[in-house]
C-alpha atoms as a PDB file:
ATOM      1  CA  MET A   1     -32.325  36.594  21.253  1.00  0.00           C
ATOM      2  CA  VAL A   2     -28.898  37.767  20.062  1.00  0.00           C
ATOM      3  CA  ILE A   3     -28.879  39.598  16.736  1.00  0.00           C
ATOM      4  CA  HIS A   4     -25.571  39.459  14.891  1.00  0.00           C
ATOM      5  CA  GLU A   5     -24.782  42.454  12.754  1.00  0.00           C
ATOM      6  CA  ILE A   6     -23.628  41.665   9.232  1.00  0.00           C
ATOM      7  CA  VAL A   7     -20.579  43.827   8.660  1.00  0.00           C
ATOM      8  CA  PRO A   8     -20.217  45.105   5.102  1.00  0.00           C
ATOM      9  CA  ALA A   9     -17.054  43.863   3.409  1.00  0.00           C
ATOM     10  CA  GLU A  10     -15.695  47.365   2.858  1.00  0.00           C
ATOM     11  CA  ARG A  11     -15.794  48.018   6.639  1.00  0.00           C
ATOM     12  CA  VAL A  12     -13.595  44.979   7.415  1.00  0.00           C
ATOM     13  CA  GLY A  13     -10.590  46.701   5.948  1.00  0.00           C
ATOM     14  CA  ILE A  14      -7.672  45.701   3.796  1.00  0.00           C
ATOM     15  CA  ALA A  15      -5.641  44.697   6.857  1.00  0.00           C
ATOM     16  CA  ALA A  16      -8.126  41.942   7.698  1.00  0.00           C
ATOM     17  CA  TYR A  17      -7.949  40.507   4.168  1.00  0.00           C
ATOM     18  CA  HIS A  18      -4.166  40.668   4.298  1.00  0.00           C
ATOM     19  CA  ALA A  19      -4.165  38.786   7.632  1.00  0.00           C
ATOM     20  CA  MET A  20      -6.420  36.116   6.180  1.00  0.00           C
ATOM     21  CA  PHE A  21      -4.168  35.800   3.113  1.00  0.00           C
ATOM     22  CA  GLU A  22      -1.069  35.406   5.264  1.00  0.00           C
ATOM     23  CA  HIS A  23      -2.429  33.038   7.908  1.00  0.00           C
ATOM     24  CA  THR A  24      -5.006  30.764   6.267  1.00  0.00           C
ATOM     25  CA  SER A  25      -4.075  27.081   6.038  1.00  0.00           C
ATOM     26  CA  GLU A  26      -5.167  26.996   2.388  1.00  0.00           C
ATOM     27  CA  GLY A  27      -2.727  27.894  -0.345  1.00  0.00           C
ATOM     28  CA  VAL A  28      -3.730  31.079  -2.189  1.00  0.00           C
ATOM     29  CA  LEU A  29      -2.412  32.293  -5.541  1.00  0.00           C
ATOM     30  CA  PHE A  30      -3.324  35.429  -7.471  1.00  0.00           C
ATOM     31  CA  SER A  31      -2.508  35.334 -11.171  1.00  0.00           C
ATOM     32  CA  THR A  32      -3.334  36.969 -14.478  1.00  0.00           C
ATOM     33  CA  PRO A  33      -5.197  35.181 -17.285  1.00  0.00           C
ATOM     34  CA  ASP A  34      -1.882  34.617 -19.104  1.00  0.00           C
ATOM     35  CA  GLY A  35      -0.519  32.676 -16.113  1.00  0.00           C
ATOM     36  CA  ARG A  36       1.707  35.270 -14.443  1.00  0.00           C
ATOM     37  CA  ILE A  37       1.504  34.864 -10.647  1.00  0.00           C
ATOM     38  CA  THR A  38       1.312  38.166  -8.790  1.00  0.00           C
ATOM     39  CA  ALA A  39       1.082  36.895  -5.199  1.00  0.00           C
ATOM     40  CA  ALA A  40       1.413  33.647  -3.228  1.00  0.00           C
ATOM     41  CA  ASN A  41       0.726  33.157   0.461  1.00  0.00           C
ATOM     42  CA  PRO A  42       2.875  31.133   2.935  1.00  0.00           C
ATOM     43  CA  ALA A  43       0.533  28.115   2.786  1.00  0.00           C
ATOM     44  CA  ALA A  44       0.957  27.938  -1.003  1.00  0.00           C
ATOM     45  CA  ALA A  45       4.729  28.157  -0.582  1.00  0.00           C
ATOM     46  CA  ALA A  46       4.665  25.288   1.951  1.00  0.00           C
ATOM     47  CA  LEU A  47       2.402  23.168  -0.226  1.00  0.00           C
ATOM     48  CA  LEU A  48       4.539  23.653  -3.329  1.00  0.00           C
ATOM     49  CA  GLY A  49       7.871  23.483  -1.516  1.00  0.00           C
ATOM     50  CA  LEU A  50       9.034  26.776  -3.023  1.00  0.00           C
ATOM     51  CA  GLY A  51       9.678  30.296  -1.867  1.00  0.00           C
ATOM     52  CA  ARG A  52       7.013  32.892  -2.616  1.00  0.00           C
ATOM     53  CA  ASP A  53       9.305  34.837  -4.927  1.00  0.00           C
ATOM     54  CA  GLU A  54      10.192  31.597  -6.741  1.00  0.00           C
ATOM     55  CA  ILE A  55       6.503  30.805  -7.265  1.00  0.00           C
ATOM     56  CA  CYS A  56       5.948  34.245  -8.780  1.00  0.00           C
ATOM     57  CA  ARG A  57       9.027  33.867 -10.988  1.00  0.00           C
ATOM     58  CA  LEU A  58       7.945  30.448 -12.320  1.00  0.00           C
ATOM     59  CA  GLY A  59       4.333  31.414 -12.930  1.00  0.00           C
ATOM     60  CA  MET A  60       1.575  28.888 -13.567  1.00  0.00           C
ATOM     61  CA  ALA A  61       3.455  27.490 -16.592  1.00  0.00           C
ATOM     62  CA  GLY A  62       6.306  26.393 -14.322  1.00  0.00           C
ATOM     63  CA  LEU A  63       4.082  24.935 -11.606  1.00  0.00           C
ATOM     64  CA  VAL A  64       1.426  22.867 -13.336  1.00  0.00           C
ATOM     65  CA  ASP A  65       1.947  19.304 -14.526  1.00  0.00           C
ATOM     66  CA  HIS A  66       1.553  19.684 -18.278  1.00  0.00           C
ATOM     67  CA  GLU A  67       0.954  15.939 -18.660  1.00  0.00           C
ATOM     68  CA  ASP A  68      -2.165  16.149 -16.485  1.00  0.00           C
ATOM     69  CA  PRO A  69      -5.117  16.391 -18.947  1.00  0.00           C
ATOM     70  CA  ARG A  70      -7.353  17.824 -16.227  1.00  0.00           C
ATOM     71  CA  TRP A  71      -5.617  21.189 -16.541  1.00  0.00           C
ATOM     72  CA  GLY A  72      -6.974  21.789 -20.033  1.00  0.00           C
ATOM     73  CA  LEU A  73     -10.505  20.961 -18.893  1.00  0.00           C
ATOM     74  CA  ALA A  74     -10.111  23.176 -15.816  1.00  0.00           C
ATOM     75  CA  ILE A  75      -8.963  26.226 -17.777  1.00  0.00           C
ATOM     76  CA  ALA A  76     -11.685  25.766 -20.387  1.00  0.00           C
ATOM     77  CA  GLU A  77     -14.392  25.564 -17.720  1.00  0.00           C
ATOM     78  CA  ARG A  78     -12.967  28.538 -15.806  1.00  0.00           C
ATOM     79  CA  ASP A  79     -12.915  30.674 -18.962  1.00  0.00           C
ATOM     80  CA  ARG A  80     -16.430  29.572 -19.887  1.00  0.00           C
ATOM     81  CA  SER A  81     -18.189  29.958 -16.545  1.00  0.00           C
ATOM     82  CA  GLY A  82     -15.780  32.081 -14.514  1.00  0.00           C
ATOM     83  CA  SER A  83     -14.955  29.397 -11.946  1.00  0.00           C
ATOM     84  CA  TRP A  84     -13.845  25.792 -11.557  1.00  0.00           C
ATOM     85  CA  VAL A  85     -13.341  23.260  -8.742  1.00  0.00           C
ATOM     86  CA  GLY A  86     -11.500  19.959  -9.047  1.00  0.00           C
ATOM     87  CA  MET A  87      -8.358  17.873  -8.647  1.00  0.00           C
ATOM     88  CA  VAL A  88      -5.154  18.699 -10.547  1.00  0.00           C
ATOM     89  CA  ARG A  89      -1.431  18.009 -10.232  1.00  0.00           C
ATOM     90  CA  PHE A  90       1.152  20.660  -9.389  1.00  0.00           C
ATOM     91  CA  ARG A  91       4.932  20.340  -9.631  1.00  0.00           C
ATOM     92  CA  ARG A  92       6.619  20.917  -6.277  1.00  0.00           C
ATOM     93  CA  GLY A  93      10.143  22.096  -5.685  1.00  0.00           C
ATOM     94  CA  GLY A  94      12.488  19.225  -6.502  1.00  0.00           C
ATOM     95  CA  GLY A  95      10.210  17.989  -9.286  1.00  0.00           C
ATOM     96  CA  ARG A  96       7.841  15.827  -7.235  1.00  0.00           C
ATOM     97  CA  MET A  97       4.162  15.981  -8.171  1.00  0.00           C
ATOM     98  CA  VAL A  98       1.388  16.686  -5.676  1.00  0.00           C
ATOM     99  CA  GLU A  99      -2.367  16.194  -6.035  1.00  0.00           C
ATOM    100  CA  VAL A 100      -4.232  19.377  -5.120  1.00  0.00           C
ATOM    101  CA  GLU A 101      -7.907  20.217  -4.864  1.00  0.00           C
ATOM    102  CA  ALA A 102      -8.130  23.638  -6.522  1.00  0.00           C
ATOM    103  CA  THR A 103     -10.857  26.264  -6.590  1.00  0.00           C
ATOM    104  CA  THR A 104     -10.344  29.005  -9.180  1.00  0.00           C
ATOM    105  CA  ARG A 105     -12.413  32.109  -9.880  1.00  0.00           C
ATOM    106  CA  LYS A 106     -12.064  35.030 -12.283  1.00  0.00           C
ATOM    107  CA  PHE A 107     -12.723  38.530 -10.926  1.00  0.00           C
ATOM    108  CA  CYS A 108     -11.990  42.132 -11.770  1.00  0.00           C
ATOM    109  CA  ASP A 109      -9.837  44.310  -9.522  1.00  0.00           C
ATOM    110  CA  PRO A 110     -10.826  47.968  -8.777  1.00  0.00           C
ATOM    111  CA  GLU A 111      -9.016  49.085 -11.940  1.00  0.00           C
ATOM    112  CA  GLY A 112     -11.053  46.647 -14.027  1.00  0.00           C
ATOM    113  CA  ALA A 113      -8.181  44.253 -14.769  1.00  0.00           C
ATOM    114  CA  VAL A 114      -9.088  40.537 -14.843  1.00  0.00           C
ATOM    115  CA  GLN A 115      -7.352  38.416 -12.218  1.00  0.00           C
ATOM    116  CA  ILE A 116      -7.533  34.771 -11.193  1.00  0.00           C
ATOM    117  CA  LEU A 117      -7.897  33.676  -7.579  1.00  0.00           C
ATOM    118  CA  SER A 118      -6.784  30.068  -6.954  1.00  0.00           C
ATOM    119  CA  ILE A 119      -7.282  28.394  -3.586  1.00  0.00           C
ATOM    120  CA  LEU A 120      -5.244  25.197  -3.146  1.00  0.00           C
ATOM    121  CA  HIS A 121      -6.109  22.452  -0.680  1.00  0.00           C
ATOM    122  CA  ASP A 122      -3.561  19.725   0.057  1.00  0.00           C
ATOM    123  CA  VAL A 123      -5.417  16.395  -0.108  1.00  0.00           C
ATOM    124  CA  ALA A 124      -2.364  14.133   0.376  1.00  0.00           C
ATOM    125  CA  GLY A 125      -3.376  13.355   3.946  1.00  0.00           C
ATOM    126  CA  ARG A 126      -6.968  12.658   2.949  1.00  0.00           C
ATOM    127  CA  LEU A 127      -5.869  10.444   0.068  1.00  0.00           C
ATOM    128  CA  ALA A 128      -3.529   8.535   2.388  1.00  0.00           C
ATOM    129  CA  VAL A 129      -6.391   7.940   4.833  1.00  0.00           C
ATOM    130  CA  GLU A 130      -8.670   6.829   1.978  1.00  0.00           C
ATOM    131  CA  ARG A 131      -6.024   4.372   0.732  1.00  0.00           C
ATOM    132  CA  GLU A 132      -5.560   3.085   4.269  1.00  0.00           C
ATOM    133  CA  MET A 133      -9.320   2.563   4.612  1.00  0.00           C
ATOM    134  CA  GLU A 134      -9.434   0.760   1.253  1.00  0.00           C
ATOM    135  CA  ASP A 135      -6.588  -1.521   2.341  1.00  0.00           C
ATOM    136  CA  LEU A 136      -8.325  -2.173   5.658  1.00  0.00           C
ATOM    137  CA  SER A 137     -11.615  -2.986   3.912  1.00  0.00           C
ATOM    138  CA  ALA A 138      -9.828  -5.396   1.581  1.00  0.00           C
ATOM    139  CA  ARG A 139      -8.107  -7.041   4.560  1.00  0.00           C
ATOM    140  CA  LEU A 140     -11.383  -7.384   6.466  1.00  0.00           C
ATOM    141  CA  LEU A 141     -13.013  -8.913   3.382  1.00  0.00           C
ATOM    142  CA  GLU A 142     -10.096 -11.309   3.071  1.00  0.00           C
ATOM    143  CA  LEU A 143     -10.446 -12.296   6.720  1.00  0.00           C
ATOM    144  CA  ALA A 144     -14.205 -12.729   6.364  1.00  0.00           C
ATOM    145  CA  GLN A 145     -13.789 -15.023   3.350  1.00  0.00           C
ATOM    146  CA  GLY A 146     -10.577 -16.795   4.334  1.00  0.00           C
ATOM    147  CA  ASP A 147      -9.571 -19.645   6.630  1.00  0.00           C
ATOM    148  CA  GLU A 148      -6.851 -18.471   9.007  1.00  0.00           C
ATOM    149  CA  LEU A 149      -5.296 -21.903   9.586  1.00  0.00           C
ATOM    150  CA  THR A 150      -4.804 -22.931   5.943  1.00  0.00           C
ATOM    151  CA  GLY A 151      -5.049 -19.678   3.984  1.00  0.00           C
ATOM    152  CA  PHE A 152      -7.795 -21.224   1.829  1.00  0.00           C
ATOM    153  CA  GLN A 153     -11.238 -19.779   1.184  1.00  0.00           C
ATOM    154  CA  ASN A 154     -13.795 -20.550   3.863  1.00  0.00           C
ATOM    155  CA  ARG A 155     -17.444 -21.337   3.085  1.00  0.00           C
ATOM    156  CA  ARG A 156     -18.254 -17.673   2.550  1.00  0.00           C
ATOM    157  CA  GLY A 157     -15.291 -17.255   0.260  1.00  0.00           C
ATOM    158  CA  LEU A 158     -16.204 -20.446  -1.596  1.00  0.00           C
ATOM    159  CA  LEU A 159     -19.624 -19.009  -2.415  1.00  0.00           C
ATOM    160  CA  VAL A 160     -17.989 -16.016  -4.077  1.00  0.00           C
ATOM    161  CA  ALA A 161     -15.044 -17.691  -5.811  1.00  0.00           C
ATOM    162  CA  GLY A 162     -16.836 -20.955  -6.593  1.00  0.00           C
ATOM    163  CA  ASN A 163     -19.859 -19.318  -8.194  1.00  0.00           C
ATOM    164  CA  ARG A 164     -17.556 -17.048 -10.199  1.00  0.00           C
ATOM    165  CA  LEU A 165     -15.730 -20.122 -11.535  1.00  0.00           C
ATOM    166  CA  LEU A 166     -19.035 -21.786 -12.465  1.00  0.00           C
ATOM    167  CA  GLN A 167     -20.133 -18.647 -14.327  1.00  0.00           C
ATOM    168  CA  VAL A 168     -16.912 -18.674 -16.337  1.00  0.00           C
ATOM    169  CA  ALA A 169     -17.382 -22.380 -17.056  1.00  0.00           C
ATOM    170  CA  ASP A 170     -20.929 -21.739 -18.294  1.00  0.00           C
ATOM    171  CA  ARG A 171     -19.774 -18.883 -20.492  1.00  0.00           C
ATOM    172  CA  GLU A 172     -16.940 -20.920 -22.010  1.00  0.00           C
ATOM    173  CA  GLU A 173     -18.895 -24.202 -22.047  1.00  0.00           C
ATOM    174  CA  SER A 174     -16.242 -26.071 -20.079  1.00  0.00           C
ATOM    175  CA  ASP A 175     -16.400 -28.935 -17.594  1.00  0.00           C
ATOM    176  CA  VAL A 176     -15.753 -28.462 -13.879  1.00  0.00           C
ATOM    177  CA  ARG A 177     -14.157 -31.164 -11.739  1.00  0.00           C
ATOM    178  CA  VAL A 178     -14.852 -31.098  -8.017  1.00  0.00           C
ATOM    179  CA  LEU A 179     -12.778 -32.910  -5.404  1.00  0.00           C
ATOM    180  CA  PHE A 180     -14.074 -33.403  -1.853  1.00  0.00           C
ATOM    181  CA  ALA A 181     -11.444 -34.312   0.755  1.00  0.00           C
ATOM    182  CA  ASP A 182     -12.033 -35.279   4.376  1.00  0.00           C
ATOM    183  CA  VAL A 183      -9.149 -35.689   6.835  1.00  0.00           C
ATOM    184  CA  GLU A 184     -10.060 -38.844   8.757  1.00  0.00           C
ATOM    185  CA  ASN A 185      -7.628 -39.030  11.666  1.00  0.00           C
ATOM    186  CA  VAL A 186      -7.489 -35.489  13.074  1.00  0.00           C
ATOM    187  CA  GLN A 187      -9.106 -36.556  16.363  1.00  0.00           C
ATOM    188  CA  GLU A 188      -6.723 -39.491  16.752  1.00  0.00           C
ATOM    189  CA  LEU A 189      -3.714 -37.235  16.118  1.00  0.00           C
ATOM    190  CA  ASN A 190      -5.014 -34.687  18.616  1.00  0.00           C
ATOM    191  CA  GLU A 191      -5.510 -37.331  21.304  1.00  0.00           C
ATOM    192  CA  ARG A 192      -2.142 -38.985  20.704  1.00  0.00           C
ATOM    193  CA  LEU A 193       0.109 -36.016  19.979  1.00  0.00           C
ATOM    194  CA  GLY A 194      -1.793 -32.884  21.014  1.00  0.00           C
ATOM    195  CA  LEU A 195      -3.914 -30.298  19.233  1.00  0.00           C
ATOM    196  CA  HIS A 196      -0.958 -29.000  17.231  1.00  0.00           C
ATOM    197  CA  ALA A 197      -0.794 -32.312  15.358  1.00  0.00           C
ATOM    198  CA  GLY A 198      -4.381 -32.051  14.149  1.00  0.00           C
ATOM    199  CA  ASP A 199      -3.777 -28.496  12.946  1.00  0.00           C
ATOM    200  CA  ALA A 200      -0.574 -29.642  11.245  1.00  0.00           C
ATOM    201  CA  ALA A 201      -2.486 -32.408   9.459  1.00  0.00           C
ATOM    202  CA  LEU A 202      -5.007 -29.895   8.102  1.00  0.00           C
ATOM    203  CA  GLN A 203      -2.174 -27.608   6.985  1.00  0.00           C
ATOM    204  CA  ALA A 204      -0.444 -30.565   5.309  1.00  0.00           C
ATOM    205  CA  VAL A 205      -3.575 -31.406   3.327  1.00  0.00           C
ATOM    206  CA  ALA A 206      -3.964 -27.766   2.332  1.00  0.00           C
ATOM    207  CA  ARG A 207      -0.351 -27.714   1.152  1.00  0.00           C
ATOM    208  CA  ALA A 208      -0.867 -30.947  -0.806  1.00  0.00           C
ATOM    209  CA  LEU A 209      -3.925 -29.508  -2.556  1.00  0.00           C
ATOM    210  CA  SER A 210      -2.046 -26.293  -3.335  1.00  0.00           C
ATOM    211  CA  VAL A 211       0.778 -28.280  -4.925  1.00  0.00           C
ATOM    212  CA  ALA A 212      -1.549 -30.513  -6.927  1.00  0.00           C
ATOM    213  CA  PHE A 213      -3.997 -27.944  -8.289  1.00  0.00           C
ATOM    214  CA  ARG A 214      -3.426 -24.930 -10.523  1.00  0.00           C
ATOM    215  CA  LYS A 215      -3.307 -21.262  -9.607  1.00  0.00           C
ATOM    216  CA  GLY A 216      -6.722 -20.479 -11.119  1.00  0.00           C
ATOM    217  CA  ASP A 217      -8.513 -23.328  -9.332  1.00  0.00           C
ATOM    218  CA  VAL A 218     -10.647 -22.671  -6.250  1.00  0.00           C
ATOM    219  CA  LEU A 219      -9.518 -24.274  -2.987  1.00  0.00           C
ATOM    220  CA  ALA A 220     -11.582 -24.040   0.179  1.00  0.00           C
ATOM    221  CA  ARG A 221     -11.785 -25.453   3.675  1.00  0.00           C
ATOM    222  CA  ILE A 222     -15.528 -25.870   4.119  1.00  0.00           C
ATOM    223  CA  GLY A 223     -15.631 -27.566   7.503  1.00  0.00           C
ATOM    224  CA  GLY A 224     -13.446 -28.651  10.392  1.00  0.00           C
ATOM    225  CA  THR A 225     -11.773 -31.476   8.456  1.00  0.00           C
ATOM    226  CA  GLN A 226     -13.319 -31.003   5.012  1.00  0.00           C
ATOM    227  CA  PHE A 227     -11.818 -29.426   1.890  1.00  0.00           C
ATOM    228  CA  LEU A 228     -13.177 -28.731  -1.572  1.00  0.00           C
ATOM    229  CA  ALA A 229     -11.374 -28.028  -4.838  1.00  0.00           C
ATOM    230  CA  LEU A 230     -12.970 -26.826  -8.080  1.00  0.00           C
ATOM    231  CA  ALA A 231     -11.095 -26.876 -11.388  1.00  0.00           C
ATOM    232  CA  ARG A 232     -12.103 -26.094 -14.977  1.00  0.00           C
ATOM    233  CA  ASP A 233     -10.979 -28.146 -17.981  1.00  0.00           C
ATOM    234  CA  LEU A 234      -9.397 -30.937 -15.948  1.00  0.00           C
ATOM    235  CA  ARG A 235      -9.268 -34.177 -17.941  1.00  0.00           C
ATOM    236  CA  GLU A 236      -9.707 -37.651 -16.468  1.00  0.00           C
ATOM    237  CA  ALA A 237      -5.964 -38.254 -16.783  1.00  0.00           C
ATOM    238  CA  ASP A 238      -5.319 -34.937 -15.056  1.00  0.00           C
ATOM    239  CA  CYS A 239      -7.449 -36.047 -12.111  1.00  0.00           C
ATOM    240  CA  ALA A 240      -5.258 -39.108 -11.680  1.00  0.00           C
ATOM    241  CA  THR A 241      -2.165 -36.888 -11.778  1.00  0.00           C
ATOM    242  CA  VAL A 242      -3.674 -34.607  -9.141  1.00  0.00           C
ATOM    243  CA  MET A 243      -4.331 -37.557  -6.852  1.00  0.00           C
ATOM    244  CA  ARG A 244      -0.776 -38.878  -7.251  1.00  0.00           C
ATOM    245  CA  ARG A 245       0.641 -35.472  -6.335  1.00  0.00           C
ATOM    246  CA  ILE A 246      -1.581 -35.164  -3.273  1.00  0.00           C
ATOM    247  CA  GLN A 247      -0.749 -38.647  -2.035  1.00  0.00           C
ATOM    248  CA  ALA A 248       2.973 -38.184  -2.726  1.00  0.00           C
ATOM    249  CA  HIS A 249       3.038 -34.972  -0.714  1.00  0.00           C
ATOM    250  CA  LEU A 250       1.180 -36.533   2.222  1.00  0.00           C
ATOM    251  CA  ALA A 251       3.469 -39.597   2.189  1.00  0.00           C
ATOM    252  CA  ASP A 252       6.638 -37.499   2.029  1.00  0.00           C
ATOM    253  CA  PRO A 253       8.839 -37.947   5.151  1.00  0.00           C
ATOM    254  CA  GLY A 254       8.963 -34.187   5.597  1.00  0.00           C
ATOM    255  CA  THR A 255       5.162 -34.096   5.871  1.00  0.00           C
ATOM    256  CA  THR A 256       4.887 -36.979   8.335  1.00  0.00           C
ATOM    257  CA  GLU A 257       7.668 -35.473  10.439  1.00  0.00           C
ATOM    258  CA  TYR A 258       5.900 -32.084  10.444  1.00  0.00           C
ATOM    259  CA  VAL A 259       2.574 -33.634  11.483  1.00  0.00           C
ATOM    260  CA  GLY A 260       4.015 -36.281  13.800  1.00  0.00           C
ATOM    261  CA  GLY A 261       2.243 -39.126  12.033  1.00  0.00           C
ATOM    262  CA  THR A 262       0.542 -40.253   8.839  1.00  0.00           C
ATOM    263  CA  VAL A 263      -2.376 -38.167   7.575  1.00  0.00           C
ATOM    264  CA  GLY A 264      -5.402 -40.189   6.510  1.00  0.00           C
ATOM    265  CA  VAL A 265      -7.650 -38.587   3.882  1.00  0.00           C
ATOM    266  CA  SER A 266     -10.708 -39.771   1.958  1.00  0.00           C
ATOM    267  CA  PHE A 267     -11.434 -38.318  -1.472  1.00  0.00           C
ATOM    268  CA  GLY A 268     -14.454 -38.097  -3.735  1.00  0.00           C
ATOM    269  CA  TRP A 269     -14.737 -36.663  -7.254  1.00  0.00           C
ATOM    270  CA  THR A 270     -17.684 -35.397  -9.215  1.00  0.00           C
ATOM    271  CA  THR A 271     -17.922 -33.695 -12.620  1.00  0.00           C
ATOM    272  CA  ARG A 272     -20.147 -30.875 -13.773  1.00  0.00           C
ATOM    273  CA  GLN A 273     -20.155 -31.223 -17.532  1.00  0.00           C
ATOM    274  CA  ALA A 274     -20.707 -28.305 -19.878  1.00  0.00           C
ATOM    275  CA  GLY A 275     -24.392 -27.474 -19.938  1.00  0.00           C
ATOM    276  CA  ASP A 276     -25.041 -29.043 -16.520  1.00  0.00           C
ATOM    277  CA  PRO A 277     -27.018 -26.481 -14.443  1.00  0.00           C
ATOM    278  CA  ALA A 278     -25.939 -28.009 -11.106  1.00  0.00           C
ATOM    279  CA  SER A 279     -25.389 -25.383  -8.431  1.00  0.00           C
ATOM    280  CA  LEU A 280     -22.359 -25.120  -6.185  1.00  0.00           C
ATOM    281  CA  ALA A 281     -24.326 -26.636  -3.288  1.00  0.00           C
ATOM    282  CA  GLU A 282     -25.315 -29.610  -5.467  1.00  0.00           C
ATOM    283  CA  LEU A 283     -21.688 -30.165  -6.462  1.00  0.00           C
ATOM    284  CA  VAL A 284     -20.609 -30.158  -2.815  1.00  0.00           C
ATOM    285  CA  THR A 285     -23.275 -32.778  -2.042  1.00  0.00           C
ATOM    286  CA  ARG A 286     -22.343 -34.933  -5.034  1.00  0.00           C
ATOM    287  CA  SER A 287     -18.630 -34.882  -4.295  1.00  0.00           C
ATOM    288  CA  ASP A 288     -19.294 -35.594  -0.607  1.00  0.00           C
ATOM    289  CA  ARG A 289     -21.412 -38.585  -1.645  1.00  0.00           C
ATOM    290  CA  GLY A 290     -18.597 -39.772  -3.901  1.00  0.00           C
ATOM    291  CA  MET A 291     -16.149 -39.520  -1.017  1.00  0.00           C
ATOM    292  CA  LEU A 292     -18.425 -41.573   1.264  1.00  0.00           C
ATOM    293  CA  GLU A 293     -18.916 -44.227  -1.419  1.00  0.00           C
ATOM    294  CA  ALA A 294     -15.153 -44.484  -1.956  1.00  0.00           C
ATOM    295  CA  LYS A 295     -14.591 -44.794   1.788  1.00  0.00           C
ATOM    296  CA  GLU A 296     -17.215 -47.534   2.091  1.00  0.00           C
ATOM    297  CA  ALA A 297     -15.679 -49.398  -0.852  1.00  0.00           C
ATOM    298  CA  ARG A 298     -12.285 -49.393   0.893  1.00  0.00           C
ATOM    299  CA  ARG A 299     -13.834 -50.666   4.103  1.00  0.00           C
ATOM    300  CA  ALA A 300     -15.610 -53.430   2.250  1.00  0.00           C
ATOM    301  CA  ALA A 301     -12.363 -54.461   0.552  1.00  0.00           C
ATOM    302  CA  ARG A 302     -10.670 -54.750   3.939  1.00  0.00           C
ATOM    303  CA  ARG A 303     -13.398 -56.935   5.487  1.00  0.00           C
ATOM    304  CA  PRO A 304     -12.495 -60.634   5.713  1.00  0.00           C
ATOM    305  CA  GLN A 305     -14.367 -62.735   3.170  1.00  0.00           C
ATOM    306  CA  ALA A 306     -16.628 -65.502   4.484  1.00  0.00           C
ATOM    307  CA  PRO A 307     -15.227 -68.955   3.556  1.00  0.00           C
ATOM    308  CA  ARG A 308     -16.998 -70.718   0.738  1.00  0.00           C
ATOM    309  CA  THR A 309     -18.882 -73.891   1.595  1.00  0.00           C
END
């Protein structure tokens, strides 16, 4: 077993402390309680973008961001307990601010004079990585809840956004209109024109729904050819307007040219009135049923009538 000798600090020597001061990657400042800086190491100079003599000339008053309220709390805690650790802003050369993790401690030198040791750690790189991870997490969440082809919510996203809309409707005692849409001829378009035509038809329906509904409404692609839209405070007359806009967009020559043919869609509406406890799943079922009933009614209207005898 190897026994490591603990070397007393006084035997290390002043040269060792000087080497550490000069070569550590952490910024180090020595100052007096009134803010006069007596020494700054090269890492502090690099962090603050100033020469060491300039740092000493400016003192703490010229380096700290006086609009950062954390400085007052830091100084108060340091004076109360003798030390403090936390995030504060410094002013770099050129006037740019930098977030620094600082550790400060009061001590007495051999002559008994009070001095302040401040160790500065540059966290810009860490903060950049944290922001990058936050952005990545948000993007992954978006991908998990979004439909890549149309940009709409998928079923997972619908559960989040749809239930949030229902909660708001319950709180404000408002009605919710639900539209179920099913694209009928995707397979026929795929067989006749290729897979790109079916995808184009789904994108055309998504665009039509986006044009017809409002920004705060929830739009989702919940299946291969199925879409759902939820809207609060939509009147009966508004529903008719929505349908006209959807049908006008799908019948537009630009849309048919983009798809390569006419897009056939069946629609079904249902309403969740204020006070109705129906869940999101129930609304999907009810609007789907309404769509099927509307489709059957159209088929029945197209059937030839038996001659009267």
